[in-house]
Amino acid sequence: MAHNFLLTLVFLLFASSSFAIQVVELDHICKKTQDPTFCFNLLSSKPGGIIGTDLIDLTQYALDVTRVNITTTTKLIKRLIRINHNNLEAKDHYTICLNQIHMGALTKVESTQEILKSGDYRDLNVVASGIRTYIELCIDGESPTDTPYNDTSLLPTYANDISQVVDIILGIANILCK
């Protein structure tokens, strides 16, 4: 009986210390992002939980979320192009965004998969920054002199969500580089 109690106590101590390490790690990651609450909520929502999860697993999870968000955003943009087929300015804006997000950002996400597997975390940082650049080009325009399109659709919100997840990937990549 005492033996079972001791085993249970050791298990609980191990589980609680593992959780404490993960929480501290999440705090360390998330304080490096622009929206720590978004970061903590996203990483804490990882299926299967965060106990026993390492930085590579968290990066993979964030990449998976980014891929899903880009796919959802691409569907939205295609719908916006159809809806605005008579509005040349809107149609042009959404067509540019489709190219930036679907062709540019999604391609970068796919290349981050290989980079993550190779362990080249500095390159991961560079490529993840490229994802964010494609998102910014969609929303802000391709040139600093461009006047951003006054987009009242959900696209800016979707783009912001992608950028926030990429910000998490960048935070983790910076930690992995050390």
N, C-alpha and C. Protein backbone atom coordinates (compact mmCIF):
# COMPACT_ATOMS: atom_id res chain seq x y z
N MET A 1 0.83 -1.19 0.00
CA MET A 1 0.00 0.00 0.00
C MET A 1 0.88 1.25 0.00
N ALA A 2 1.87 1.29 0.88
CA ALA A 2 2.78 2.43 0.94
C ALA A 2 3.56 2.55 -0.37
N HIS A 3 3.86 1.39 -0.97
CA HIS A 3 4.59 1.37 -2.24
C HIS A 3 3.76 2.04 -3.34
N ASN A 4 2.46 1.73 -3.39
CA ASN A 4 1.56 2.35 -4.38
C ASN A 4 1.45 3.85 -4.16
N PHE A 5 1.37 4.25 -2.90
CA PHE A 5 1.30 5.67 -2.58
C PHE A 5 2.56 6.39 -3.05
N LEU A 6 3.71 5.77 -2.79
CA LEU A 6 4.98 6.35 -3.19
C LEU A 6 5.07 6.47 -4.71
N LEU A 7 4.65 5.45 -5.43
CA LEU A 7 4.65 5.50 -6.90
C LEU A 7 3.71 6.61 -7.40
N THR A 8 2.54 6.72 -6.80
CA THR A 8 1.59 7.76 -7.19
C THR A 8 2.18 9.14 -6.92
N LEU A 9 2.81 9.30 -5.77
CA LEU A 9 3.41 10.58 -5.42
C LEU A 9 4.53 10.95 -6.41
N VAL A 10 5.38 9.98 -6.75
CA VAL A 10 6.46 10.23 -7.71
C VAL A 10 5.87 10.61 -9.06
N PHE A 11 4.83 9.89 -9.49
CA PHE A 11 4.18 10.21 -10.77
C PHE A 11 3.61 11.63 -10.75
N LEU A 12 2.92 11.98 -9.67
CA LEU A 12 2.33 13.32 -9.59
C LEU A 12 3.40 14.40 -9.58
N LEU A 13 4.48 14.17 -8.86
CA LEU A 13 5.57 15.14 -8.85
C LEU A 13 6.18 15.29 -10.24
N PHE A 14 6.37 14.17 -10.92
CA PHE A 14 6.93 14.21 -12.28
C PHE A 14 5.97 14.94 -13.22
N ALA A 15 4.69 14.61 -13.14
CA ALA A 15 3.71 15.25 -14.03
C ALA A 15 3.62 16.74 -13.74
N SER A 16 3.59 17.12 -12.47
CA SER A 16 3.47 18.54 -12.16
C SER A 16 4.74 19.29 -12.53
N SER A 17 5.90 18.67 -12.35
CA SER A 17 7.13 19.37 -12.74
C SER A 17 7.22 19.47 -14.25
N SER A 18 6.75 18.47 -14.98
CA SER A 18 6.73 18.54 -16.45
C SER A 18 5.80 19.66 -16.89
N PHE A 19 4.66 19.78 -16.23
CA PHE A 19 3.73 20.84 -16.59
C PHE A 19 4.34 22.20 -16.30
N ALA A 20 5.01 22.32 -15.16
CA ALA A 20 5.64 23.60 -14.80
C ALA A 20 6.69 23.98 -15.82
N ILE A 21 7.48 23.02 -16.28
CA ILE A 21 8.49 23.30 -17.29
C ILE A 21 7.81 23.80 -18.57
N GLN A 22 6.73 23.13 -18.96
CA GLN A 22 6.05 23.53 -20.19
C GLN A 22 5.42 24.92 -20.07
N VAL A 23 4.84 25.23 -18.91
CA VAL A 23 4.24 26.54 -18.73
C VAL A 23 5.31 27.62 -18.80
N VAL A 24 6.43 27.38 -18.13
CA VAL A 24 7.53 28.34 -18.19
C VAL A 24 8.00 28.49 -19.63
N GLU A 25 8.10 27.37 -20.35
CA GLU A 25 8.53 27.41 -21.73
C GLU A 25 7.54 28.22 -22.57
N LEU A 26 6.25 28.00 -22.38
CA LEU A 26 5.24 28.78 -23.11
C LEU A 26 5.37 30.25 -22.77
N ASP A 27 5.56 30.56 -21.50
CA ASP A 27 5.75 31.96 -21.12
C ASP A 27 6.97 32.54 -21.82
N HIS A 28 8.05 31.76 -21.86
CA HIS A 28 9.29 32.21 -22.50
C HIS A 28 9.07 32.45 -24.00
N ILE A 29 8.34 31.56 -24.64
CA ILE A 29 8.04 31.71 -26.08
C ILE A 29 7.12 32.90 -26.29
N CYS A 30 6.03 32.92 -25.56
CA CYS A 30 4.97 33.89 -25.82
C CYS A 30 5.34 35.33 -25.48
N LYS A 31 6.23 35.52 -24.52
CA LYS A 31 6.62 36.89 -24.20
C LYS A 31 7.43 37.52 -25.34
N LYS A 32 7.91 36.71 -26.27
CA LYS A 32 8.65 37.21 -27.42
C LYS A 32 7.74 37.58 -28.59
N THR A 33 6.44 37.35 -28.44
CA THR A 33 5.50 37.62 -29.53
C THR A 33 4.78 38.94 -29.30
N GLN A 34 4.12 39.41 -30.35
CA GLN A 34 3.39 40.68 -30.26
C GLN A 34 2.12 40.55 -29.43
N ASP A 35 1.54 39.35 -29.38
CA ASP A 35 0.33 39.13 -28.60
C ASP A 35 0.50 37.86 -27.75
N PRO A 36 1.12 38.01 -26.57
CA PRO A 36 1.39 36.84 -25.73
C PRO A 36 0.14 36.03 -25.37
N THR A 37 -0.99 36.68 -25.20
CA THR A 37 -2.22 35.95 -24.86
C THR A 37 -2.64 35.05 -26.01
N PHE A 38 -2.62 35.58 -27.24
CA PHE A 38 -2.94 34.78 -28.41
C PHE A 38 -2.00 33.58 -28.48
N CYS A 39 -0.72 33.81 -28.29
CA CYS A 39 0.30 32.77 -28.34
C CYS A 39 0.01 31.68 -27.30
N PHE A 40 -0.19 32.09 -26.07
CA PHE A 40 -0.42 31.12 -25.00
C PHE A 40 -1.67 30.31 -25.27
N ASN A 41 -2.74 30.98 -25.70
CA ASN A 41 -4.00 30.27 -25.99
C ASN A 41 -3.83 29.28 -27.14
N LEU A 42 -3.13 29.70 -28.18
CA LEU A 42 -2.94 28.82 -29.33
C LEU A 42 -2.10 27.60 -28.95
N LEU A 43 -0.95 27.83 -28.34
CA LEU A 43 -0.08 26.70 -28.00
C LEU A 43 -0.70 25.79 -26.94
N SER A 44 -1.45 26.37 -26.03
CA SER A 44 -2.13 25.57 -25.00
C SER A 44 -3.24 24.71 -25.59
N SER A 45 -3.74 25.10 -26.76
CA SER A 45 -4.83 24.34 -27.39
C SER A 45 -4.34 23.18 -28.23
N LYS A 46 -3.02 22.95 -28.23
CA LYS A 46 -2.46 21.86 -29.03
C LYS A 46 -3.14 20.55 -28.65
N PRO A 47 -3.68 19.84 -29.65
CA PRO A 47 -4.30 18.54 -29.33
C PRO A 47 -3.30 17.62 -28.63
N GLY A 48 -3.76 16.97 -27.60
CA GLY A 48 -2.88 16.10 -26.83
C GLY A 48 -2.19 16.84 -25.70
N GLY A 49 -2.36 18.16 -25.65
CA GLY A 49 -1.77 18.95 -24.58
C GLY A 49 -0.31 19.28 -24.84
N ILE A 50 0.26 20.00 -23.90
CA ILE A 50 1.64 20.44 -24.05
C ILE A 50 2.63 19.66 -23.20
N ILE A 51 2.12 18.84 -22.30
CA ILE A 51 3.03 18.06 -21.46
C ILE A 51 3.77 17.08 -22.36
N GLY A 52 5.07 17.09 -22.24
CA GLY A 52 5.90 16.21 -23.04
C GLY A 52 6.16 16.73 -24.45
N THR A 53 5.68 17.93 -24.72
CA THR A 53 5.87 18.53 -26.04
C THR A 53 7.15 19.35 -26.04
N ASP A 54 7.95 19.17 -27.07
CA ASP A 54 9.17 19.97 -27.16
C ASP A 54 8.96 21.13 -28.15
N LEU A 55 9.99 21.93 -28.31
CA LEU A 55 9.89 23.11 -29.18
C LEU A 55 9.64 22.73 -30.64
N ILE A 56 10.18 21.61 -31.08
CA ILE A 56 9.97 21.17 -32.45
C ILE A 56 8.50 20.81 -32.65
N ASP A 57 7.91 20.10 -31.68
CA ASP A 57 6.48 19.74 -31.76
C ASP A 57 5.61 21.00 -31.78
N LEU A 58 5.96 21.99 -30.95
CA LEU A 58 5.18 23.23 -30.93
C LEU A 58 5.31 23.97 -32.25
N THR A 59 6.51 23.96 -32.83
CA THR A 59 6.71 24.60 -34.13
C THR A 59 5.89 23.89 -35.19
N GLN A 60 5.91 22.56 -35.16
CA GLN A 60 5.13 21.79 -36.12
C GLN A 60 3.65 22.11 -35.99
N TYR A 61 3.18 22.19 -34.75
CA TYR A 61 1.78 22.52 -34.52
C TYR A 61 1.45 23.91 -35.09
N ALA A 62 2.32 24.88 -34.83
CA ALA A 62 2.10 26.23 -35.35
C ALA A 62 2.13 26.24 -36.88
N LEU A 63 3.00 25.45 -37.48
CA LEU A 63 3.03 25.35 -38.94
C LEU A 63 1.74 24.73 -39.48
N ASP A 64 1.24 23.71 -38.79
CA ASP A 64 -0.02 23.09 -39.20
C ASP A 64 -1.17 24.09 -39.12
N VAL A 65 -1.20 24.87 -38.05
CA VAL A 65 -2.23 25.90 -37.90
C VAL A 65 -2.09 26.94 -39.01
N THR A 66 -0.86 27.32 -39.31
CA THR A 66 -0.62 28.30 -40.39
C THR A 66 -1.13 27.76 -41.72
N ARG A 67 -0.84 26.50 -42.01
CA ARG A 67 -1.29 25.90 -43.26
C ARG A 67 -2.83 25.92 -43.35
N VAL A 68 -3.49 25.54 -42.27
CA VAL A 68 -4.96 25.55 -42.25
C VAL A 68 -5.48 26.98 -42.44
N ASN A 69 -4.86 27.94 -41.73
CA ASN A 69 -5.30 29.34 -41.85
C ASN A 69 -5.09 29.87 -43.27
N ILE A 70 -3.99 29.50 -43.90
CA ILE A 70 -3.74 29.95 -45.28
C ILE A 70 -4.76 29.32 -46.23
N THR A 71 -5.07 28.06 -46.03
CA THR A 71 -6.07 27.39 -46.87
C THR A 71 -7.44 28.05 -46.70
N THR A 72 -7.82 28.35 -45.49
CA THR A 72 -9.10 29.03 -45.22
C THR A 72 -9.10 30.43 -45.83
N THR A 73 -7.98 31.12 -45.71
CA THR A 73 -7.86 32.48 -46.26
C THR A 73 -7.92 32.44 -47.78
N THR A 74 -7.30 31.45 -48.38
CA THR A 74 -7.34 31.30 -49.83
C THR A 74 -8.77 31.12 -50.32
N LYS A 75 -9.54 30.29 -49.62
CA LYS A 75 -10.95 30.10 -49.97
C LYS A 75 -11.72 31.41 -49.87
N LEU A 76 -11.45 32.17 -48.81
CA LEU A 76 -12.10 33.48 -48.65
C LEU A 76 -11.75 34.40 -49.81
N ILE A 77 -10.48 34.46 -50.18
CA ILE A 77 -10.05 35.36 -51.26
C ILE A 77 -10.70 34.96 -52.58
N LYS A 78 -10.77 33.68 -52.86
CA LYS A 78 -11.42 33.23 -54.10
C LYS A 78 -12.89 33.65 -54.12
N ARG A 79 -13.54 33.56 -52.97
CA ARG A 79 -14.94 33.98 -52.88
C ARG A 79 -15.04 35.50 -53.08
N LEU A 80 -14.11 36.25 -52.51
CA LEU A 80 -14.12 37.71 -52.66
C LEU A 80 -13.87 38.12 -54.12
N ILE A 81 -13.04 37.38 -54.82
CA ILE A 81 -12.81 37.67 -56.24
C ILE A 81 -14.11 37.45 -57.01
N ARG A 82 -14.81 36.36 -56.72
CA ARG A 82 -16.10 36.09 -57.41
C ARG A 82 -17.13 37.16 -57.09
N ILE A 83 -17.22 37.54 -55.84
CA ILE A 83 -18.22 38.53 -55.42
C ILE A 83 -17.95 39.89 -56.05
N ASN A 84 -16.68 40.22 -56.19
CA ASN A 84 -16.28 41.55 -56.69
C ASN A 84 -15.86 41.54 -58.15
N HIS A 85 -16.43 40.65 -58.95
CA HIS A 85 -16.00 40.53 -60.34
C HIS A 85 -16.25 41.80 -61.14
N ASN A 86 -17.17 42.65 -60.72
CA ASN A 86 -17.44 43.91 -61.43
C ASN A 86 -16.67 45.10 -60.85
N ASN A 87 -16.04 44.93 -59.72
CA ASN A 87 -15.28 46.00 -59.08
C ASN A 87 -13.80 45.75 -59.37
N LEU A 88 -13.26 46.42 -60.37
CA LEU A 88 -11.90 46.16 -60.83
C LEU A 88 -10.85 46.38 -59.73
N GLU A 89 -11.00 47.43 -58.93
CA GLU A 89 -10.03 47.70 -57.87
C GLU A 89 -10.02 46.57 -56.83
N ALA A 90 -11.20 46.15 -56.41
CA ALA A 90 -11.30 45.06 -55.43
C ALA A 90 -10.79 43.76 -56.03
N LYS A 91 -11.20 43.48 -57.25
CA LYS A 91 -10.79 42.24 -57.90
C LYS A 91 -9.26 42.19 -58.04
N ASP A 92 -8.65 43.31 -58.43
CA ASP A 92 -7.18 43.36 -58.55
C ASP A 92 -6.51 43.13 -57.19
N HIS A 93 -7.05 43.80 -56.18
CA HIS A 93 -6.49 43.64 -54.83
C HIS A 93 -6.55 42.17 -54.39
N TYR A 94 -7.70 41.55 -54.56
CA TYR A 94 -7.86 40.17 -54.11
C TYR A 94 -7.05 39.19 -54.96
N THR A 95 -6.88 39.50 -56.21
CA THR A 95 -6.05 38.65 -57.08
C THR A 95 -4.59 38.71 -56.63
N ILE A 96 -4.12 39.91 -56.31
CA ILE A 96 -2.76 40.05 -55.78
C ILE A 96 -2.64 39.28 -54.46
N CYS A 97 -3.63 39.41 -53.61
CA CYS A 97 -3.61 38.69 -52.32
C CYS A 97 -3.61 37.18 -52.53
N LEU A 98 -4.37 36.73 -53.49
CA LEU A 98 -4.40 35.29 -53.77
C LEU A 98 -3.00 34.81 -54.13
N ASN A 99 -2.32 35.56 -54.98
CA ASN A 99 -0.96 35.18 -55.36
C ASN A 99 -0.01 35.25 -54.17
N GLN A 100 -0.12 36.30 -53.38
CA GLN A 100 0.78 36.47 -52.23
C GLN A 100 0.57 35.38 -51.18
N ILE A 101 -0.67 35.10 -50.88
CA ILE A 101 -0.97 34.17 -49.80
C ILE A 101 -0.92 32.72 -50.26
N HIS A 102 -1.61 32.43 -51.35
CA HIS A 102 -1.66 31.03 -51.78
C HIS A 102 -0.33 30.57 -52.40
N MET A 103 0.17 31.35 -53.31
CA MET A 103 1.41 30.94 -53.99
C MET A 103 2.65 31.26 -53.15
N GLY A 104 2.70 32.42 -52.53
CA GLY A 104 3.88 32.83 -51.78
C GLY A 104 3.94 32.23 -50.39
N ALA A 105 2.98 32.58 -49.56
CA ALA A 105 3.01 32.16 -48.15
C ALA A 105 2.89 30.64 -48.01
N LEU A 106 1.99 30.03 -48.76
CA LEU A 106 1.83 28.58 -48.65
C LEU A 106 3.09 27.85 -49.10
N THR A 107 3.73 28.34 -50.15
CA THR A 107 4.99 27.74 -50.60
C THR A 107 6.04 27.83 -49.50
N LYS A 108 6.11 28.97 -48.82
CA LYS A 108 7.06 29.13 -47.72
C LYS A 108 6.75 28.17 -46.57
N VAL A 109 5.46 27.98 -46.28
CA VAL A 109 5.09 27.04 -45.22
C VAL A 109 5.58 25.64 -45.57
N GLU A 110 5.39 25.25 -46.82
CA GLU A 110 5.84 23.93 -47.24
C GLU A 110 7.36 23.80 -47.10
N SER A 111 8.11 24.85 -47.42
CA SER A 111 9.57 24.76 -47.30
C SER A 111 10.01 24.77 -45.84
N THR A 112 9.23 25.37 -44.95
CA THR A 112 9.58 25.35 -43.53
C THR A 112 9.52 23.94 -42.98
N GLN A 113 8.65 23.11 -43.54
CA GLN A 113 8.56 21.72 -43.10
C GLN A 113 9.91 21.03 -43.26
N GLU A 114 10.51 21.19 -44.42
CA GLU A 114 11.81 20.56 -44.68
C GLU A 114 12.91 21.17 -43.82
N ILE A 115 12.86 22.47 -43.67
CA ILE A 115 13.87 23.15 -42.86
C ILE A 115 13.78 22.71 -41.40
N LEU A 116 12.57 22.57 -40.89
CA LEU A 116 12.38 22.12 -39.51
C LEU A 116 12.95 20.72 -39.34
N LYS A 117 12.70 19.85 -40.29
CA LYS A 117 13.22 18.48 -40.21
C LYS A 117 14.75 18.47 -40.27
N SER A 118 15.33 19.40 -41.02
CA SER A 118 16.80 19.43 -41.16
C SER A 118 17.49 20.02 -39.93
N GLY A 119 16.75 20.75 -39.11
CA GLY A 119 17.33 21.36 -37.91
C GLY A 119 18.03 22.68 -38.16
N ASP A 120 17.82 23.27 -39.32
CA ASP A 120 18.42 24.57 -39.64
C ASP A 120 17.49 25.68 -39.14
N TYR A 121 17.59 26.00 -37.86
CA TYR A 121 16.64 26.90 -37.23
C TYR A 121 16.84 28.36 -37.64
N ARG A 122 18.04 28.73 -38.03
CA ARG A 122 18.27 30.09 -38.54
C ARG A 122 17.52 30.27 -39.87
N ASP A 123 17.59 29.25 -40.71
CA ASP A 123 16.88 29.31 -41.98
C ASP A 123 15.37 29.27 -41.74
N LEU A 124 14.94 28.54 -40.73
CA LEU A 124 13.53 28.51 -40.36
C LEU A 124 13.05 29.92 -40.05
N ASN A 125 13.86 30.65 -39.32
CA ASN A 125 13.53 32.03 -38.97
C ASN A 125 13.39 32.89 -40.22
N VAL A 126 14.33 32.74 -41.15
CA VAL A 126 14.31 33.53 -42.39
C VAL A 126 13.07 33.21 -43.23
N VAL A 127 12.79 31.93 -43.38
CA VAL A 127 11.65 31.53 -44.21
C VAL A 127 10.33 31.92 -43.55
N ALA A 128 10.24 31.77 -42.23
CA ALA A 128 9.02 32.19 -41.53
C ALA A 128 8.81 33.70 -41.69
N SER A 129 9.89 34.47 -41.66
CA SER A 129 9.78 35.92 -41.89
C SER A 129 9.22 36.18 -43.30
N GLY A 130 9.61 35.33 -44.25
CA GLY A 130 9.09 35.45 -45.61
C GLY A 130 7.58 35.23 -45.67
N ILE A 131 7.07 34.32 -44.85
CA ILE A 131 5.62 34.10 -44.80
C ILE A 131 4.93 35.39 -44.38
N ARG A 132 5.45 35.99 -43.34
CA ARG A 132 4.86 37.24 -42.84
C ARG A 132 4.94 38.34 -43.90
N THR A 133 6.04 38.38 -44.64
CA THR A 133 6.19 39.39 -45.69
C THR A 133 5.10 39.23 -46.75
N TYR A 134 4.80 38.01 -47.16
CA TYR A 134 3.74 37.79 -48.14
C TYR A 134 2.39 38.25 -47.61
N ILE A 135 2.14 38.03 -46.35
CA ILE A 135 0.88 38.48 -45.75
C ILE A 135 0.82 40.01 -45.75
N GLU A 136 1.91 40.65 -45.37
CA GLU A 136 1.95 42.11 -45.36
C GLU A 136 1.79 42.69 -46.76
N LEU A 137 2.38 42.03 -47.76
CA LEU A 137 2.25 42.51 -49.14
C LEU A 137 0.80 42.46 -49.60
N CYS A 138 0.08 41.48 -49.17
CA CYS A 138 -1.34 41.39 -49.50
C CYS A 138 -2.11 42.55 -48.88
N ILE A 139 -1.92 42.78 -47.63
CA ILE A 139 -2.71 43.79 -46.91
C ILE A 139 -2.24 45.21 -47.20
N ASP A 140 -0.93 45.43 -47.22
CA ASP A 140 -0.40 46.79 -47.33
C ASP A 140 -0.04 47.22 -48.74
N GLY A 141 0.03 46.28 -49.67
CA GLY A 141 0.43 46.61 -51.03
C GLY A 141 1.86 46.20 -51.29
N GLU A 142 2.23 46.18 -52.54
CA GLU A 142 3.55 45.66 -52.92
C GLU A 142 4.65 46.71 -52.86
N SER A 143 4.29 47.96 -52.68
CA SER A 143 5.28 49.02 -52.64
C SER A 143 4.96 49.93 -51.46
N PRO A 144 6.00 50.49 -50.84
CA PRO A 144 5.73 51.41 -49.73
C PRO A 144 4.90 52.62 -50.15
N THR A 145 4.91 52.93 -51.43
CA THR A 145 4.12 54.08 -51.90
C THR A 145 2.68 53.69 -52.22
N ASP A 146 2.38 52.38 -52.21
CA ASP A 146 1.00 51.95 -52.47
C ASP A 146 0.09 52.40 -51.34
N THR A 147 -1.09 52.82 -51.71
CA THR A 147 -2.11 53.09 -50.71
C THR A 147 -2.81 51.77 -50.43
N PRO A 148 -2.80 51.32 -49.18
CA PRO A 148 -3.46 50.04 -48.89
C PRO A 148 -4.94 50.10 -49.29
N TYR A 149 -5.41 49.00 -49.83
CA TYR A 149 -6.81 48.87 -50.22
C TYR A 149 -7.67 48.93 -48.96
N ASN A 150 -8.74 49.69 -49.00
CA ASN A 150 -9.65 49.81 -47.86
C ASN A 150 -10.54 48.57 -47.83
N ASP A 151 -10.02 47.53 -47.24
CA ASP A 151 -10.68 46.23 -47.25
C ASP A 151 -11.58 46.09 -46.02
N THR A 152 -12.87 45.99 -46.26
CA THR A 152 -13.83 45.85 -45.16
C THR A 152 -14.26 44.39 -45.00
N SER A 153 -13.66 43.50 -45.77
CA SER A 153 -13.99 42.07 -45.65
C SER A 153 -13.28 41.48 -44.43
N LEU A 154 -13.41 40.18 -44.28
CA LEU A 154 -12.72 39.48 -43.20
C LEU A 154 -11.25 39.21 -43.51
N LEU A 155 -10.80 39.52 -44.73
CA LEU A 155 -9.42 39.23 -45.11
C LEU A 155 -8.38 39.82 -44.17
N PRO A 156 -8.47 41.10 -43.79
CA PRO A 156 -7.46 41.62 -42.86
C PRO A 156 -7.42 40.86 -41.53
N THR A 157 -8.56 40.42 -41.04
CA THR A 157 -8.60 39.63 -39.80
C THR A 157 -7.93 38.28 -40.00
N TYR A 158 -8.26 37.62 -41.11
CA TYR A 158 -7.65 36.32 -41.41
C TYR A 158 -6.13 36.48 -41.55
N ALA A 159 -5.72 37.53 -42.25
CA ALA A 159 -4.28 37.78 -42.46
C ALA A 159 -3.59 38.04 -41.13
N ASN A 160 -4.23 38.78 -40.26
CA ASN A 160 -3.66 39.06 -38.94
C ASN A 160 -3.49 37.76 -38.14
N ASP A 161 -4.46 36.88 -38.23
CA ASP A 161 -4.36 35.60 -37.53
C ASP A 161 -3.15 34.80 -38.03
N ILE A 162 -2.95 34.78 -39.35
CA ILE A 162 -1.79 34.08 -39.90
C ILE A 162 -0.50 34.72 -39.38
N SER A 163 -0.45 36.04 -39.41
CA SER A 163 0.75 36.75 -38.94
C SER A 163 1.05 36.45 -37.48
N GLN A 164 0.01 36.35 -36.66
CA GLN A 164 0.23 36.06 -35.24
C GLN A 164 0.78 34.65 -35.02
N VAL A 165 0.30 33.70 -35.81
CA VAL A 165 0.83 32.34 -35.68
C VAL A 165 2.28 32.30 -36.17
N VAL A 166 2.56 32.99 -37.26
CA VAL A 166 3.93 33.06 -37.76
C VAL A 166 4.84 33.73 -36.73
N ASP A 167 4.32 34.71 -36.03
CA ASP A 167 5.08 35.36 -34.96
C ASP A 167 5.50 34.35 -33.89
N ILE A 168 4.64 33.39 -33.61
CA ILE A 168 4.95 32.33 -32.65
C ILE A 168 6.08 31.45 -33.21
N ILE A 169 5.98 31.12 -34.49
CA ILE A 169 7.03 30.31 -35.12
C ILE A 169 8.37 31.04 -35.04
N LEU A 170 8.35 32.34 -35.29
CA LEU A 170 9.58 33.13 -35.20
C LEU A 170 10.14 33.14 -33.78
N GLY A 171 9.25 33.26 -32.81
CA GLY A 171 9.70 33.23 -31.41
C GLY A 171 10.35 31.91 -31.05
N ILE A 172 9.76 30.81 -31.48
CA ILE A 172 10.33 29.50 -31.20
C ILE A 172 11.65 29.34 -31.96
N ALA A 173 11.68 29.77 -33.22
CA ALA A 173 12.91 29.66 -34.01
C ALA A 173 14.06 30.43 -33.35
N ASN A 174 13.76 31.58 -32.80
CA ASN A 174 14.80 32.36 -32.10
C ASN A 174 15.33 31.61 -30.90
N ILE A 175 14.46 30.94 -30.17
CA ILE A 175 14.90 30.15 -29.03
C ILE A 175 15.74 28.96 -29.49
N LEU A 176 15.30 28.30 -30.56
CA LEU A 176 16.03 27.14 -31.08
C LEU A 176 17.41 27.52 -31.61
N CYS A 177 17.56 28.77 -32.08
CA CYS A 177 18.85 29.22 -32.61
C CYS A 177 19.90 29.40 -31.54
N LYS A 178 19.49 29.54 -30.30
CA LYS A 178 20.44 29.82 -29.21
C LYS A 178 21.14 28.58 -28.74
